[in-house]
Structure formats: structure tokens, C-alpha cells
Amino acid sequence: DAPNTIADGLKVPLKELTWHFVSNH
């Protein structure tokens, strides 16, 4: 829900559509 990292652009979680590409490719 709320990760803490200096990489502020990478704090959001995967969703269904992006998971499709990540899990397959």
C-alpha cells in the first residue's frame, strides 16, 4: 500500500494489464 523508497516513481503496484505482460514476457 505505501512502500518507502527514494525511487519515488516506483512506489505503485502492478495491476491486471501490466501483470499480463510481466508474467508472460
mmCIF file of all heavy atoms, coordinates in Angstrom:
data_MODEL
# 
_entry.id   MODEL 
# 
loop_
_atom_site.group_PDB 
_atom_site.id 
_atom_site.type_symbol 
_atom_site.label_atom_id 
_atom_site.label_alt_id 
_atom_site.label_comp_id 
_atom_site.label_asym_id 
_atom_site.label_entity_id 
_atom_site.label_seq_id 
_atom_site.pdbx_PDB_ins_code 
_atom_site.Cartn_x 
_atom_site.Cartn_y 
_atom_site.Cartn_z 
_atom_site.occupancy 
_atom_site.B_iso_or_equiv 
_atom_site.pdbx_formal_charge 
_atom_site.auth_seq_id 
_atom_site.auth_comp_id 
_atom_site.auth_asym_id 
_atom_site.auth_atom_id 
_atom_site.pdbx_PDB_model_num 
ATOM 1   N N   . ASP A 1 1  ? 0.819  -1.211  0.000   1.00 0.00 ? 1  ASP A N   1 
ATOM 2   C CA  . ASP A 1 1  ? 0.000  0.000   0.000   1.00 0.00 ? 1  ASP A CA  1 
ATOM 3   C C   . ASP A 1 1  ? 0.856  1.265   0.000   1.00 0.00 ? 1  ASP A C   1 
ATOM 4   O O   . ASP A 1 1  ? 0.567  2.222   -0.700  1.00 0.00 ? 1  ASP A O   1 
ATOM 5   C CB  . ASP A 1 1  ? -0.944 0.011   1.205   1.00 0.00 ? 1  ASP A CB  1 
ATOM 6   C CG  . ASP A 1 1  ? -1.964 1.146   1.105   1.00 0.00 ? 1  ASP A CG  1 
ATOM 7   O OD1 . ASP A 1 1  ? -2.541 1.305   0.019   1.00 0.00 ? 1  ASP A OD1 1 
ATOM 8   O OD2 . ASP A 1 1  ? -2.159 1.865   2.102   1.00 0.00 ? 1  ASP A OD2 1 
ATOM 9   N N   . ALA A 1 2  ? 1.915  1.283   0.770   1.00 0.00 ? 2  ALA A N   1 
ATOM 10  C CA  . ALA A 1 2  ? 2.709  2.511   0.895   1.00 0.00 ? 2  ALA A CA  1 
ATOM 11  C C   . ALA A 1 2  ? 4.182  2.211   1.125   1.00 0.00 ? 2  ALA A C   1 
ATOM 12  O O   . ALA A 1 2  ? 4.727  2.455   2.207   1.00 0.00 ? 2  ALA A O   1 
ATOM 13  C CB  . ALA A 1 2  ? 2.160  3.373   2.032   1.00 0.00 ? 2  ALA A CB  1 
ATOM 14  N N   . PRO A 1 3  ? 4.873  1.666   0.123   1.00 0.00 ? 3  PRO A N   1 
ATOM 15  C CA  . PRO A 1 3  ? 6.308  1.380   0.277   1.00 0.00 ? 3  PRO A CA  1 
ATOM 16  C C   . PRO A 1 3  ? 7.113  2.665   0.411   1.00 0.00 ? 3  PRO A C   1 
ATOM 17  O O   . PRO A 1 3  ? 6.677  3.729   -0.045  1.00 0.00 ? 3  PRO A O   1 
ATOM 18  C CB  . PRO A 1 3  ? 6.658  0.639   -1.021  1.00 0.00 ? 3  PRO A CB  1 
ATOM 19  C CG  . PRO A 1 3  ? 5.647  1.119   -2.003  1.00 0.00 ? 3  PRO A CG  1 
ATOM 20  C CD  . PRO A 1 3  ? 4.388  1.337   -1.229  1.00 0.00 ? 3  PRO A CD  1 
ATOM 21  N N   . ASN A 1 4  ? 8.284  2.569   1.004   1.00 0.00 ? 4  ASN A N   1 
ATOM 22  C CA  . ASN A 1 4  ? 9.128  3.740   1.239   1.00 0.00 ? 4  ASN A CA  1 
ATOM 23  C C   . ASN A 1 4  ? 10.468 3.558   0.543   1.00 0.00 ? 4  ASN A C   1 
ATOM 24  O O   . ASN A 1 4  ? 11.281 2.733   0.952   1.00 0.00 ? 4  ASN A O   1 
ATOM 25  C CB  . ASN A 1 4  ? 9.327  3.941   2.743   1.00 0.00 ? 4  ASN A CB  1 
ATOM 26  C CG  . ASN A 1 4  ? 10.128 5.187   3.054   1.00 0.00 ? 4  ASN A CG  1 
ATOM 27  O OD1 . ASN A 1 4  ? 10.137 6.131   2.272   1.00 0.00 ? 4  ASN A OD1 1 
ATOM 28  N ND2 . ASN A 1 4  ? 10.816 5.190   4.175   1.00 0.00 ? 4  ASN A ND2 1 
ATOM 29  N N   . THR A 1 5  ? 10.693 4.316   -0.514  1.00 0.00 ? 5  THR A N   1 
ATOM 30  C CA  . THR A 1 5  ? 11.953 4.245   -1.248  1.00 0.00 ? 5  THR A CA  1 
ATOM 31  C C   . THR A 1 5  ? 12.277 5.605   -1.840  1.00 0.00 ? 5  THR A C   1 
ATOM 32  O O   . THR A 1 5  ? 11.369 6.416   -2.126  1.00 0.00 ? 5  THR A O   1 
ATOM 33  C CB  . THR A 1 5  ? 11.902 3.200   -2.379  1.00 0.00 ? 5  THR A CB  1 
ATOM 34  O OG1 . THR A 1 5  ? 13.108 3.283   -3.154  1.00 0.00 ? 5  THR A OG1 1 
ATOM 35  C CG2 . THR A 1 5  ? 10.716 3.432   -3.301  1.00 0.00 ? 5  THR A CG2 1 
ATOM 36  N N   . ILE A 1 6  ? 13.551 5.849   -2.033  1.00 0.00 ? 6  ILE A N   1 
ATOM 37  C CA  . ILE A 1 6  ? 13.989 7.084   -2.667  1.00 0.00 ? 6  ILE A CA  1 
ATOM 38  C C   . ILE A 1 6  ? 13.542 7.152   -4.117  1.00 0.00 ? 6  ILE A C   1 
ATOM 39  O O   . ILE A 1 6  ? 13.418 8.228   -4.700  1.00 0.00 ? 6  ILE A O   1 
ATOM 40  C CB  . ILE A 1 6  ? 15.520 7.206   -2.554  1.00 0.00 ? 6  ILE A CB  1 
ATOM 41  C CG1 . ILE A 1 6  ? 15.967 8.624   -2.860  1.00 0.00 ? 6  ILE A CG1 1 
ATOM 42  C CG2 . ILE A 1 6  ? 16.231 6.206   -3.459  1.00 0.00 ? 6  ILE A CG2 1 
ATOM 43  C CD1 . ILE A 1 6  ? 17.398 8.893   -2.497  1.00 0.00 ? 6  ILE A CD1 1 
ATOM 44  N N   . ALA A 1 7  ? 13.269 5.997   -4.712  1.00 0.00 ? 7  ALA A N   1 
ATOM 45  C CA  . ALA A 1 7  ? 12.807 5.923   -6.107  1.00 0.00 ? 7  ALA A CA  1 
ATOM 46  C C   . ALA A 1 7  ? 11.304 6.187   -6.149  1.00 0.00 ? 7  ALA A C   1 
ATOM 47  O O   . ALA A 1 7  ? 10.490 5.271   -6.268  1.00 0.00 ? 7  ALA A O   1 
ATOM 48  C CB  . ALA A 1 7  ? 13.145 4.558   -6.697  1.00 0.00 ? 7  ALA A CB  1 
ATOM 49  N N   . ASP A 1 8  ? 10.919 7.461   -6.050  1.00 0.00 ? 8  ASP A N   1 
ATOM 50  C CA  . ASP A 1 8  ? 9.514  7.821   -5.848  1.00 0.00 ? 8  ASP A CA  1 
ATOM 51  C C   . ASP A 1 8  ? 8.614  7.403   -7.001  1.00 0.00 ? 8  ASP A C   1 
ATOM 52  O O   . ASP A 1 8  ? 7.411  7.209   -6.824  1.00 0.00 ? 8  ASP A O   1 
ATOM 53  C CB  . ASP A 1 8  ? 9.384  9.328   -5.607  1.00 0.00 ? 8  ASP A CB  1 
ATOM 54  C CG  . ASP A 1 8  ? 9.825  10.155  -6.807  1.00 0.00 ? 8  ASP A CG  1 
ATOM 55  O OD1 . ASP A 1 8  ? 11.031 10.421  -6.952  1.00 0.00 ? 8  ASP A OD1 1 
ATOM 56  O OD2 . ASP A 1 8  ? 8.956  10.534  -7.616  1.00 0.00 ? 8  ASP A OD2 1 
ATOM 57  N N   . GLY A 1 9  ? 9.183  7.236   -8.193  1.00 0.00 ? 9  GLY A N   1 
ATOM 58  C CA  . GLY A 1 9  ? 8.365  6.838   -9.331  1.00 0.00 ? 9  GLY A CA  1 
ATOM 59  C C   . GLY A 1 9  ? 8.028  5.357   -9.375  1.00 0.00 ? 9  GLY A C   1 
ATOM 60  O O   . GLY A 1 9  ? 7.273  4.918   -10.238 1.00 0.00 ? 9  GLY A O   1 
ATOM 61  N N   . LEU A 1 10 ? 8.586  4.577   -8.426  1.00 0.00 ? 10 LEU A N   1 
ATOM 62  C CA  . LEU A 1 10 ? 8.411  3.117   -8.460  1.00 0.00 ? 10 LEU A CA  1 
ATOM 63  C C   . LEU A 1 10 ? 7.654  2.591   -7.234  1.00 0.00 ? 10 LEU A C   1 
ATOM 64  O O   . LEU A 1 10 ? 7.812  1.443   -6.856  1.00 0.00 ? 10 LEU A O   1 
ATOM 65  C CB  . LEU A 1 10 ? 9.786  2.433   -8.553  1.00 0.00 ? 10 LEU A CB  1 
ATOM 66  C CG  . LEU A 1 10 ? 10.683 2.896   -9.700  1.00 0.00 ? 10 LEU A CG  1 
ATOM 67  C CD1 . LEU A 1 10 ? 12.006 2.139   -9.696  1.00 0.00 ? 10 LEU A CD1 1 
ATOM 68  C CD2 . LEU A 1 10 ? 9.985  2.735   -11.051 1.00 0.00 ? 10 LEU A CD2 1 
ATOM 69  N N   . LYS A 1 11 ? 6.824  3.426   -6.639  1.00 0.00 ? 11 LYS A N   1 
ATOM 70  C CA  . LYS A 1 11 ? 6.138  3.035   -5.406  1.00 0.00 ? 11 LYS A CA  1 
ATOM 71  C C   . LYS A 1 11 ? 4.791  2.377   -5.644  1.00 0.00 ? 11 LYS A C   1 
ATOM 72  O O   . LYS A 1 11 ? 4.169  1.899   -4.704  1.00 0.00 ? 11 LYS A O   1 
ATOM 73  C CB  . LYS A 1 11 ? 5.934  4.261   -4.509  1.00 0.00 ? 11 LYS A CB  1 
ATOM 74  C CG  . LYS A 1 11 ? 7.217  4.835   -3.930  1.00 0.00 ? 11 LYS A CG  1 
ATOM 75  C CD  . LYS A 1 11 ? 6.907  6.021   -3.020  1.00 0.00 ? 11 LYS A CD  1 
ATOM 76  C CE  . LYS A 1 11 ? 8.150  6.567   -2.346  1.00 0.00 ? 11 LYS A CE  1 
ATOM 77  N NZ  . LYS A 1 11 ? 7.840  7.685   -1.437  1.00 0.00 ? 11 LYS A NZ  1 
ATOM 78  N N   . VAL A 1 12 ? 4.313  2.371   -6.876  1.00 0.00 ? 12 VAL A N   1 
ATOM 79  C CA  . VAL A 1 12 ? 2.961  1.874   -7.146  1.00 0.00 ? 12 VAL A CA  1 
ATOM 80  C C   . VAL A 1 12 ? 2.972  0.394   -7.523  1.00 0.00 ? 12 VAL A C   1 
ATOM 81  O O   . VAL A 1 12 ? 3.961  -0.122  -8.044  1.00 0.00 ? 12 VAL A O   1 
ATOM 82  C CB  . VAL A 1 12 ? 2.280  2.705   -8.253  1.00 0.00 ? 12 VAL A CB  1 
ATOM 83  C CG1 . VAL A 1 12 ? 1.959  4.094   -7.725  1.00 0.00 ? 12 VAL A CG1 1 
ATOM 84  C CG2 . VAL A 1 12 ? 3.168  2.803   -9.487  1.00 0.00 ? 12 VAL A CG2 1 
ATOM 85  N N   . PRO A 1 13 ? 1.863  -0.310  -7.262  1.00 0.00 ? 13 PRO A N   1 
ATOM 86  C CA  . PRO A 1 13 ? 1.815  -1.757  -7.521  1.00 0.00 ? 13 PRO A CA  1 
ATOM 87  C C   . PRO A 1 13 ? 1.411  -2.099  -8.949  1.00 0.00 ? 13 PRO A C   1 
ATOM 88  O O   . PRO A 1 13 ? 0.820  -1.281  -9.662  1.00 0.00 ? 13 PRO A O   1 
ATOM 89  C CB  . PRO A 1 13 ? 0.734  -2.233  -6.543  1.00 0.00 ? 13 PRO A CB  1 
ATOM 90  C CG  . PRO A 1 13 ? -0.227 -1.077  -6.470  1.00 0.00 ? 13 PRO A CG  1 
ATOM 91  C CD  . PRO A 1 13 ? 0.634  0.168   -6.565  1.00 0.00 ? 13 PRO A CD  1 
ATOM 92  N N   . LEU A 1 14 ? 1.729  -3.318  -9.352  1.00 0.00 ? 14 LEU A N   1 
ATOM 93  C CA  . LEU A 1 14 ? 1.256  -3.843  -10.630 1.00 0.00 ? 14 LEU A CA  1 
ATOM 94  C C   . LEU A 1 14 ? -0.261 -3.936  -10.633 1.00 0.00 ? 14 LEU A C   1 
ATOM 95  O O   . LEU A 1 14 ? -0.892 -4.073  -9.581  1.00 0.00 ? 14 LEU A O   1 
ATOM 96  C CB  . LEU A 1 14 ? 1.831  -5.237  -10.872 1.00 0.00 ? 14 LEU A CB  1 
ATOM 97  C CG  . LEU A 1 14 ? 3.351  -5.342  -11.042 1.00 0.00 ? 14 LEU A CG  1 
ATOM 98  C CD1 . LEU A 1 14 ? 3.774  -6.808  -10.955 1.00 0.00 ? 14 LEU A CD1 1 
ATOM 99  C CD2 . LEU A 1 14 ? 3.792  -4.732  -12.351 1.00 0.00 ? 14 LEU A CD2 1 
ATOM 100 N N   . LYS A 1 15 ? -0.849 -3.871  -11.820 1.00 0.00 ? 15 LYS A N   1 
ATOM 101 C CA  . LYS A 1 15 ? -2.286 -4.092  -11.996 1.00 0.00 ? 15 LYS A CA  1 
ATOM 102 C C   . LYS A 1 15 ? -2.473 -5.208  -13.027 1.00 0.00 ? 15 LYS A C   1 
ATOM 103 O O   . LYS A 1 15 ? -1.517 -5.727  -13.594 1.00 0.00 ? 15 LYS A O   1 
ATOM 104 C CB  . LYS A 1 15 ? -2.975 -2.802  -12.452 1.00 0.00 ? 15 LYS A CB  1 
ATOM 105 C CG  . LYS A 1 15 ? -2.940 -1.662  -11.423 1.00 0.00 ? 15 LYS A CG  1 
ATOM 106 C CD  . LYS A 1 15 ? -3.883 -1.916  -10.261 1.00 0.00 ? 15 LYS A CD  1 
ATOM 107 C CE  . LYS A 1 15 ? -4.000 -0.698  -9.358  1.00 0.00 ? 15 LYS A CE  1 
ATOM 108 N NZ  . LYS A 1 15 ? -4.913 -0.917  -8.230  1.00 0.00 ? 15 LYS A NZ  1 
ATOM 109 N N   . GLU A 1 16 ? -3.729 -5.555  -13.289 1.00 0.00 ? 16 GLU A N   1 
ATOM 110 C CA  . GLU A 1 16 ? -4.022 -6.729  -14.112 1.00 0.00 ? 16 GLU A CA  1 
ATOM 111 C C   . GLU A 1 16 ? -3.371 -6.669  -15.495 1.00 0.00 ? 16 GLU A C   1 
ATOM 112 O O   . GLU A 1 16 ? -2.804 -7.655  -15.974 1.00 0.00 ? 16 GLU A O   1 
ATOM 113 C CB  . GLU A 1 16 ? -5.542 -6.901  -14.259 1.00 0.00 ? 16 GLU A CB  1 
ATOM 114 C CG  . GLU A 1 16 ? -6.253 -7.298  -12.983 1.00 0.00 ? 16 GLU A CG  1 
ATOM 115 C CD  . GLU A 1 16 ? -6.465 -6.114  -12.042 1.00 0.00 ? 16 GLU A CD  1 
ATOM 116 O OE1 . GLU A 1 16 ? -6.194 -4.956  -12.459 1.00 0.00 ? 16 GLU A OE1 1 
ATOM 117 O OE2 . GLU A 1 16 ? -6.892 -6.336  -10.894 1.00 0.00 ? 16 GLU A OE2 1 
ATOM 118 N N   . LEU A 1 17 ? -3.451 -5.499  -16.144 1.00 0.00 ? 17 LEU A N   1 
ATOM 119 C CA  . LEU A 1 17 ? -2.953 -5.402  -17.514 1.00 0.00 ? 17 LEU A CA  1 
ATOM 120 C C   . LEU A 1 17 ? -1.429 -5.484  -17.556 1.00 0.00 ? 17 LEU A C   1 
ATOM 121 O O   . LEU A 1 17 ? -0.855 -6.185  -18.401 1.00 0.00 ? 17 LEU A O   1 
ATOM 122 C CB  . LEU A 1 17 ? -3.440 -4.093  -18.144 1.00 0.00 ? 17 LEU A CB  1 
ATOM 123 C CG  . LEU A 1 17 ? -3.273 -3.929  -19.651 1.00 0.00 ? 17 LEU A CG  1 
ATOM 124 C CD1 . LEU A 1 17 ? -3.823 -5.118  -20.421 1.00 0.00 ? 17 LEU A CD1 1 
ATOM 125 C CD2 . LEU A 1 17 ? -3.939 -2.641  -20.120 1.00 0.00 ? 17 LEU A CD2 1 
ATOM 126 N N   . THR A 1 18 ? -0.767 -4.772  -16.649 1.00 0.00 ? 18 THR A N   1 
ATOM 127 C CA  . THR A 1 18 ? 0.697  -4.828  -16.646 1.00 0.00 ? 18 THR A CA  1 
ATOM 128 C C   . THR A 1 18 ? 1.191  -6.194  -16.165 1.00 0.00 ? 18 THR A C   1 
ATOM 129 O O   . THR A 1 18 ? 2.220  -6.680  -16.634 1.00 0.00 ? 18 THR A O   1 
ATOM 130 C CB  . THR A 1 18 ? 1.295  -3.708  -15.782 1.00 0.00 ? 18 THR A CB  1 
ATOM 131 O OG1 . THR A 1 18 ? 0.702  -3.717  -14.477 1.00 0.00 ? 18 THR A OG1 1 
ATOM 132 C CG2 . THR A 1 18 ? 1.046  -2.345  -16.423 1.00 0.00 ? 18 THR A CG2 1 
ATOM 133 N N   . TRP A 1 19 ? 0.449  -6.813  -15.252 1.00 0.00 ? 19 TRP A N   1 
ATOM 134 C CA  . TRP A 1 19 ? 0.823  -8.158  -14.794 1.00 0.00 ? 19 TRP A CA  1 
ATOM 135 C C   . TRP A 1 19 ? 0.787  -9.151  -15.954 1.00 0.00 ? 19 TRP A C   1 
ATOM 136 O O   . TRP A 1 19 ? 1.606  -10.069 -16.027 1.00 0.00 ? 19 TRP A O   1 
ATOM 137 C CB  . TRP A 1 19 ? -0.095 -8.610  -13.668 1.00 0.00 ? 19 TRP A CB  1 
ATOM 138 C CG  . TRP A 1 19 ? 0.111  -10.034 -13.249 1.00 0.00 ? 19 TRP A CG  1 
ATOM 139 C CD1 . TRP A 1 19 ? -0.789 -11.061 -13.334 1.00 0.00 ? 19 TRP A CD1 1 
ATOM 140 C CD2 . TRP A 1 19 ? 1.292  -10.610 -12.669 1.00 0.00 ? 19 TRP A CD2 1 
ATOM 141 N NE1 . TRP A 1 19 ? -0.251 -12.238 -12.869 1.00 0.00 ? 19 TRP A NE1 1 
ATOM 142 C CE2 . TRP A 1 19 ? 1.023  -11.990 -12.440 1.00 0.00 ? 19 TRP A CE2 1 
ATOM 143 C CE3 . TRP A 1 19 ? 2.545  -10.108 -12.330 1.00 0.00 ? 19 TRP A CE3 1 
ATOM 144 C CZ2 . TRP A 1 19 ? 1.977  -12.850 -11.894 1.00 0.00 ? 19 TRP A CZ2 1 
ATOM 145 C CZ3 . TRP A 1 19 ? 3.484  -10.975 -11.784 1.00 0.00 ? 19 TRP A CZ3 1 
ATOM 146 C CH2 . TRP A 1 19 ? 3.190  -12.328 -11.569 1.00 0.00 ? 19 TRP A CH2 1 
ATOM 147 N N   . HIS A 1 20 ? -0.146 -8.959  -16.881 1.00 0.00 ? 20 HIS A N   1 
ATOM 148 C CA  . HIS A 1 20 ? -0.215 -9.832  -18.060 1.00 0.00 ? 20 HIS A CA  1 
ATOM 149 C C   . HIS A 1 20 ? 1.133  -9.825  -18.793 1.00 0.00 ? 20 HIS A C   1 
ATOM 150 O O   . HIS A 1 20 ? 1.662  -10.891 -19.148 1.00 0.00 ? 20 HIS A O   1 
ATOM 151 C CB  . HIS A 1 20 ? -1.321 -9.374  -19.006 1.00 0.00 ? 20 HIS A CB  1 
ATOM 152 C CG  . HIS A 1 20 ? -1.212 -9.939  -20.393 1.00 0.00 ? 20 HIS A CG  1 
ATOM 153 N ND1 . HIS A 1 20 ? -1.632 -11.212 -20.711 1.00 0.00 ? 20 HIS A ND1 1 
ATOM 154 C CD2 . HIS A 1 20 ? -0.667 -9.418  -21.533 1.00 0.00 ? 20 HIS A CD2 1 
ATOM 155 C CE1 . HIS A 1 20 ? -1.370 -11.451 -21.992 1.00 0.00 ? 20 HIS A CE1 1 
ATOM 156 N NE2 . HIS A 1 20 ? -0.793 -10.380 -22.510 1.00 0.00 ? 20 HIS A NE2 1 
ATOM 157 N N   . PHE A 1 21 ? 1.683  -8.643  -19.021 1.00 0.00 ? 21 PHE A N   1 
ATOM 158 C CA  . PHE A 1 21 ? 2.944  -8.543  -19.755 1.00 0.00 ? 21 PHE A CA  1 
ATOM 159 C C   . PHE A 1 21 ? 4.119  -9.030  -18.915 1.00 0.00 ? 21 PHE A C   1 
ATOM 160 O O   . PHE A 1 21 ? 4.993  -9.755  -19.407 1.00 0.00 ? 21 PHE A O   1 
ATOM 161 C CB  . PHE A 1 21 ? 3.170  -7.099  -20.216 1.00 0.00 ? 21 PHE A CB  1 
ATOM 162 C CG  . PHE A 1 21 ? 2.301  -6.703  -21.371 1.00 0.00 ? 21 PHE A CG  1 
ATOM 163 C CD1 . PHE A 1 21 ? 1.150  -5.958  -21.172 1.00 0.00 ? 21 PHE A CD1 1 
ATOM 164 C CD2 . PHE A 1 21 ? 2.616  -7.099  -22.662 1.00 0.00 ? 21 PHE A CD2 1 
ATOM 165 C CE1 . PHE A 1 21 ? 0.336  -5.600  -22.235 1.00 0.00 ? 21 PHE A CE1 1 
ATOM 166 C CE2 . PHE A 1 21 ? 1.813  -6.747  -23.744 1.00 0.00 ? 21 PHE A CE2 1 
ATOM 167 C CZ  . PHE A 1 21 ? 0.658  -6.001  -23.523 1.00 0.00 ? 21 PHE A CZ  1 
ATOM 168 N N   . VAL A 1 22 ? 4.149  -8.643  -17.645 1.00 0.00 ? 22 VAL A N   1 
ATOM 169 C CA  . VAL A 1 22 ? 5.248  -9.055  -16.766 1.00 0.00 ? 22 VAL A CA  1 
ATOM 170 C C   . VAL A 1 22 ? 5.301  -10.575 -16.640 1.00 0.00 ? 22 VAL A C   1 
ATOM 171 O O   . VAL A 1 22 ? 6.368  -11.195 -16.781 1.00 0.00 ? 22 VAL A O   1 
ATOM 172 C CB  . VAL A 1 22 ? 5.107  -8.403  -15.374 1.00 0.00 ? 22 VAL A CB  1 
ATOM 173 C CG1 . VAL A 1 22 ? 6.103  -9.008  -14.384 1.00 0.00 ? 22 VAL A CG1 1 
ATOM 174 C CG2 . VAL A 1 22 ? 5.329  -6.894  -15.473 1.00 0.00 ? 22 VAL A CG2 1 
ATOM 175 N N   . SER A 1 23 ? 4.164  -11.193 -16.396 1.00 0.00 ? 23 SER A N   1 
ATOM 176 C CA  . SER A 1 23 ? 4.132  -12.645 -16.152 1.00 0.00 ? 23 SER A CA  1 
ATOM 177 C C   . SER A 1 23 ? 4.414  -13.455 -17.407 1.00 0.00 ? 23 SER A C   1 
ATOM 178 O O   . SER A 1 23 ? 4.898  -14.583 -17.329 1.00 0.00 ? 23 SER A O   1 
ATOM 179 C CB  . SER A 1 23 ? 2.781  -13.051 -15.552 1.00 0.00 ? 23 SER A CB  1 
ATOM 180 O OG  . SER A 1 23 ? 1.721  -12.715 -16.420 1.00 0.00 ? 23 SER A OG  1 
ATOM 181 N N   . ASN A 1 24 ? 4.161  -12.875 -18.569 1.00 0.00 ? 24 ASN A N   1 
ATOM 182 C CA  . ASN A 1 24 ? 4.347  -13.608 -19.820 1.00 0.00 ? 24 ASN A CA  1 
ATOM 183 C C   . ASN A 1 24 ? 5.664  -13.335 -20.544 1.00 0.00 ? 24 ASN A C   1 
ATOM 184 O O   . ASN A 1 24 ? 6.130  -14.175 -21.325 1.00 0.00 ? 24 ASN A O   1 
ATOM 185 C CB  . ASN A 1 24 ? 3.196  -13.308 -20.786 1.00 0.00 ? 24 ASN A CB  1 
ATOM 186 C CG  . ASN A 1 24 ? 1.922  -14.061 -20.430 1.00 0.00 ? 24 ASN A CG  1 
ATOM 187 O OD1 . ASN A 1 24 ? 1.863  -15.279 -20.561 1.00 0.00 ? 24 ASN A OD1 1 
ATOM 188 N ND2 . ASN A 1 24 ? 0.919  -13.340 -19.950 1.00 0.00 ? 24 ASN A ND2 1 
ATOM 189 N N   . HIS A 1 25 ? 6.282  -12.167 -20.284 1.00 0.00 ? 25 HIS A N   1 
ATOM 190 C CA  . HIS A 1 25 ? 7.420  -11.778 -21.118 1.00 0.00 ? 25 HIS A CA  1 
ATOM 191 C C   . HIS A 1 25 ? 8.679  -11.359 -20.373 1.00 0.00 ? 25 HIS A C   1 
ATOM 192 O O   . HIS A 1 25 ? 9.746  -11.312 -20.994 1.00 0.00 ? 25 HIS A O   1 
ATOM 193 C CB  . HIS A 1 25 ? 7.005  -10.645 -22.063 1.00 0.00 ? 25 HIS A CB  1 
ATOM 194 C CG  . HIS A 1 25 ? 5.907  -11.007 -23.005 1.00 0.00 ? 25 HIS A CG  1 
ATOM 195 N ND1 . HIS A 1 25 ? 6.064  -11.910 -24.029 1.00 0.00 ? 25 HIS A ND1 1 
ATOM 196 C CD2 . HIS A 1 25 ? 4.613  -10.595 -23.074 1.00 0.00 ? 25 HIS A CD2 1 
ATOM 197 C CE1 . HIS A 1 25 ? 4.931  -12.040 -24.698 1.00 0.00 ? 25 HIS A CE1 1 
ATOM 198 N NE2 . HIS A 1 25 ? 4.029  -11.253 -24.138 1.00 0.00 ? 25 HIS A NE2 1 
# 
